[in-house]
Amino acid sequence: MNRPRICFVLLKQTSRYTLTDGDLLMARTGASAGNLLLFEGDEKAVFASYLIRMKFKKEILSKLYWYFSKSKLYWDQVGQLSAGSAQPQFNGGALKQIILPFPKSLSEQKSIVKRLDALSGETKRLEGIYKQKLSDLEELKKSVLKSAFAGKY
């Protein structure tokens, strides 16, 4: 069955919500408040107004900030700057107070991002191996249990 394609026409009003490569999107509220998504690519996309888009000037790489958002230092600051407990709120004012220690040199930032990309790739590779091993162990367990209950041991 062929599904109809959905087409959006970007109007002047929506152009301010159009994403570009390297944009960061941050959740403002709830359990995901403070979480960041790095938009990579050239696909046409827009973001919802309940998210905060972050664009950096040329002196800092957005991917470096995205990696920073995975750190304890970042989350400690988010925790201190969030308002509310049942439904945490993290707004643009709080976001501006986040302190990011970063090297001023773009080449050093690129080097750090490159190393973190390599570590991330290796972590995903190892994660895949361990998931496969766990799956194999689960299958072995089922096989042993089946044999044991069939009186083969």
Protein backbone atom coordinates (compact mmCIF):
# COMPACT_ATOMS: atom_id res chain seq x y z
CA MET A 1 0.00 0.00 0.00
CA ASN A 2 1.44 3.36 -1.00
CA ARG A 3 1.13 6.05 1.59
CA PRO A 4 0.49 9.58 0.46
CA ARG A 5 3.38 11.95 0.99
CA ILE A 6 2.88 14.89 3.26
CA CYS A 7 4.11 18.21 2.01
CA PHE A 8 4.60 21.31 4.11
CA VAL A 9 4.87 24.72 2.56
CA LEU A 10 7.13 26.95 4.61
CA LEU A 11 5.58 30.35 4.97
CA LYS A 12 7.29 33.51 6.18
CA GLN A 13 5.82 32.93 9.63
CA THR A 14 7.35 29.46 9.89
CA SER A 15 10.77 30.33 8.53
CA ARG A 16 11.93 31.24 12.03
CA TYR A 17 11.22 27.63 13.04
CA THR A 18 13.20 26.10 10.16
CA LEU A 19 16.15 24.02 11.35
CA THR A 20 19.63 24.16 9.90
CA ASP A 21 22.56 21.81 10.29
CA GLY A 22 24.11 22.17 13.75
CA ASP A 23 21.05 23.59 15.51
CA LEU A 24 20.50 22.40 19.05
CA LEU A 25 16.99 21.88 20.42
CA MET A 26 16.35 21.85 24.14
CA ALA A 27 13.24 20.63 25.95
CA ARG A 28 11.77 23.29 28.25
CA THR A 29 9.47 21.31 30.52
CA GLY A 30 8.81 18.00 32.19
CA ALA A 31 11.07 15.04 32.77
CA SER A 32 13.04 15.84 29.61
CA ALA A 33 13.68 19.50 30.54
CA GLY A 34 17.29 20.33 29.72
CA ASN A 35 17.77 17.46 27.26
CA LEU A 36 19.36 18.49 24.00
CA LEU A 37 19.03 17.20 20.46
CA LEU A 38 21.64 18.02 17.83
CA PHE A 39 20.06 18.49 14.40
CA GLU A 40 22.44 17.29 11.71
CA GLY A 41 21.70 17.24 8.03
CA ASP A 42 20.07 19.28 5.32
CA GLU A 43 16.60 17.77 5.46
CA LYS A 44 13.77 20.31 5.58
CA ALA A 45 12.48 20.38 9.14
CA VAL A 46 10.85 22.71 11.63
CA PHE A 47 10.72 22.59 15.41
CA ALA A 48 7.89 23.11 17.84
CA SER A 49 7.67 26.30 19.87
CA TYR A 50 7.81 24.37 23.15
CA LEU A 51 11.48 23.70 22.38
CA ILE A 52 14.33 26.18 22.60
CA ARG A 53 16.57 26.38 19.55
CA MET A 54 20.19 27.20 20.20
CA LYS A 55 22.49 28.62 17.55
CA PHE A 56 26.06 29.51 18.32
CA LYS A 57 28.26 32.15 16.83
CA LYS A 58 31.34 30.98 15.01
CA GLU A 59 33.49 30.83 18.18
CA ILE A 60 31.93 27.62 19.53
CA LEU A 61 30.93 24.35 17.89
CA SER A 62 27.36 23.30 18.65
CA LYS A 63 28.41 19.65 18.75
CA LEU A 64 30.86 20.48 21.55
CA TYR A 65 27.99 21.98 23.54
CA TRP A 66 25.88 18.89 22.75
CA TYR A 67 28.60 16.65 24.18
CA PHE A 68 28.84 18.99 27.18
CA SER A 69 25.10 18.45 27.74
CA LYS A 70 25.91 14.80 28.52
CA SER A 71 28.17 15.77 31.42
CA LYS A 72 27.55 15.92 35.16
CA LEU A 73 28.66 19.58 35.19
CA TYR A 74 25.87 20.47 32.75
CA TRP A 75 23.19 18.51 34.62
CA ASP A 76 24.23 19.93 37.99
CA GLN A 77 23.66 23.40 36.55
CA VAL A 78 20.34 22.41 34.96
CA GLY A 79 19.21 21.02 38.32
CA GLN A 80 20.10 24.25 40.11
CA LEU A 81 18.52 26.50 37.50
CA SER A 82 15.28 24.56 36.91
CA ALA A 83 12.07 25.86 38.43
CA GLY A 84 9.34 23.61 39.82
CA SER A 85 9.57 20.06 41.08
CA ALA A 86 6.54 18.15 39.77
CA GLN A 87 6.89 19.61 36.26
CA PRO A 88 10.42 21.05 35.98
CA GLN A 89 10.75 24.17 33.84
CA PHE A 90 13.94 25.24 32.12
CA ASN A 91 13.64 28.44 30.12
CA GLY A 92 15.88 30.61 27.98
CA GLY A 93 16.85 32.77 30.95
CA ALA A 94 18.11 29.74 32.84
CA LEU A 95 19.85 28.45 29.73
CA LYS A 96 21.85 31.69 29.43
CA GLN A 97 23.23 31.07 32.92
CA ILE A 98 24.81 27.73 32.03
CA ILE A 99 28.58 28.00 32.24
CA LEU A 100 30.43 26.08 29.56
CA PRO A 101 34.19 25.80 29.95
CA PHE A 102 35.56 25.51 26.42
CA PRO A 103 38.80 26.15 24.56
CA LYS A 104 38.74 29.36 22.52
CA SER A 105 40.59 27.72 19.63
CA LEU A 106 38.23 26.25 17.02
CA SER A 107 40.88 23.72 16.01
CA GLU A 108 41.10 22.50 19.62
CA GLN A 109 37.30 22.27 19.79
CA LYS A 110 37.26 20.27 16.56
CA SER A 111 39.93 17.95 17.98
CA ILE A 112 37.87 17.38 21.13
CA VAL A 113 34.70 16.70 19.11
CA LYS A 114 36.62 14.30 16.85
CA ARG A 115 37.88 12.34 19.89
CA LEU A 116 34.41 12.29 21.43
CA ASP A 117 32.91 11.12 18.12
CA ALA A 118 35.44 8.26 18.03
CA LEU A 119 34.64 7.30 21.64
CA SER A 120 30.92 7.46 20.90
CA GLY A 121 31.34 5.22 17.86
CA GLU A 122 33.38 2.70 19.84
CA THR A 123 30.83 2.76 22.67
CA LYS A 124 28.00 2.03 20.21
CA ARG A 125 30.01 -0.79 18.66
CA LEU A 126 30.66 -2.38 22.06
CA GLU A 127 27.02 -1.87 23.04
CA GLY A 128 25.98 -3.81 19.94
CA ILE A 129 28.36 -6.65 20.79
CA TYR A 130 27.07 -6.86 24.38
CA LYS A 131 23.44 -6.80 23.26
CA GLN A 132 24.15 -9.67 20.88
CA LYS A 133 25.92 -11.62 23.65
CA LEU A 134 22.98 -11.06 26.01
CA SER A 135 20.59 -12.25 23.32
CA ASP A 136 22.74 -15.32 22.68
CA LEU A 137 22.86 -16.09 26.42
CA GLU A 138 19.08 -15.76 26.66
CA GLU A 139 18.67 -18.22 23.78
CA LEU A 140 21.13 -20.63 25.44
CA LYS A 141 19.21 -20.36 28.72
CA LYS A 142 15.94 -21.18 26.95
CA SER A 143 17.57 -24.14 25.22
CA VAL A 144 19.02 -25.51 28.47
CA LEU A 145 15.69 -25.07 30.27
CA LYS A 146 13.82 -26.80 27.45
CA SER A 147 16.26 -29.70 27.50
CA ALA A 148 16.16 -29.94 31.30
CA PHE A 149 12.38 -30.07 31.41
CA ALA A 150 12.33 -32.58 28.57
CA GLY A 151 14.50 -34.90 30.71
CA LYS A 152 17.58 -34.70 28.48
CA TYR A 153 19.93 -33.86 31.39
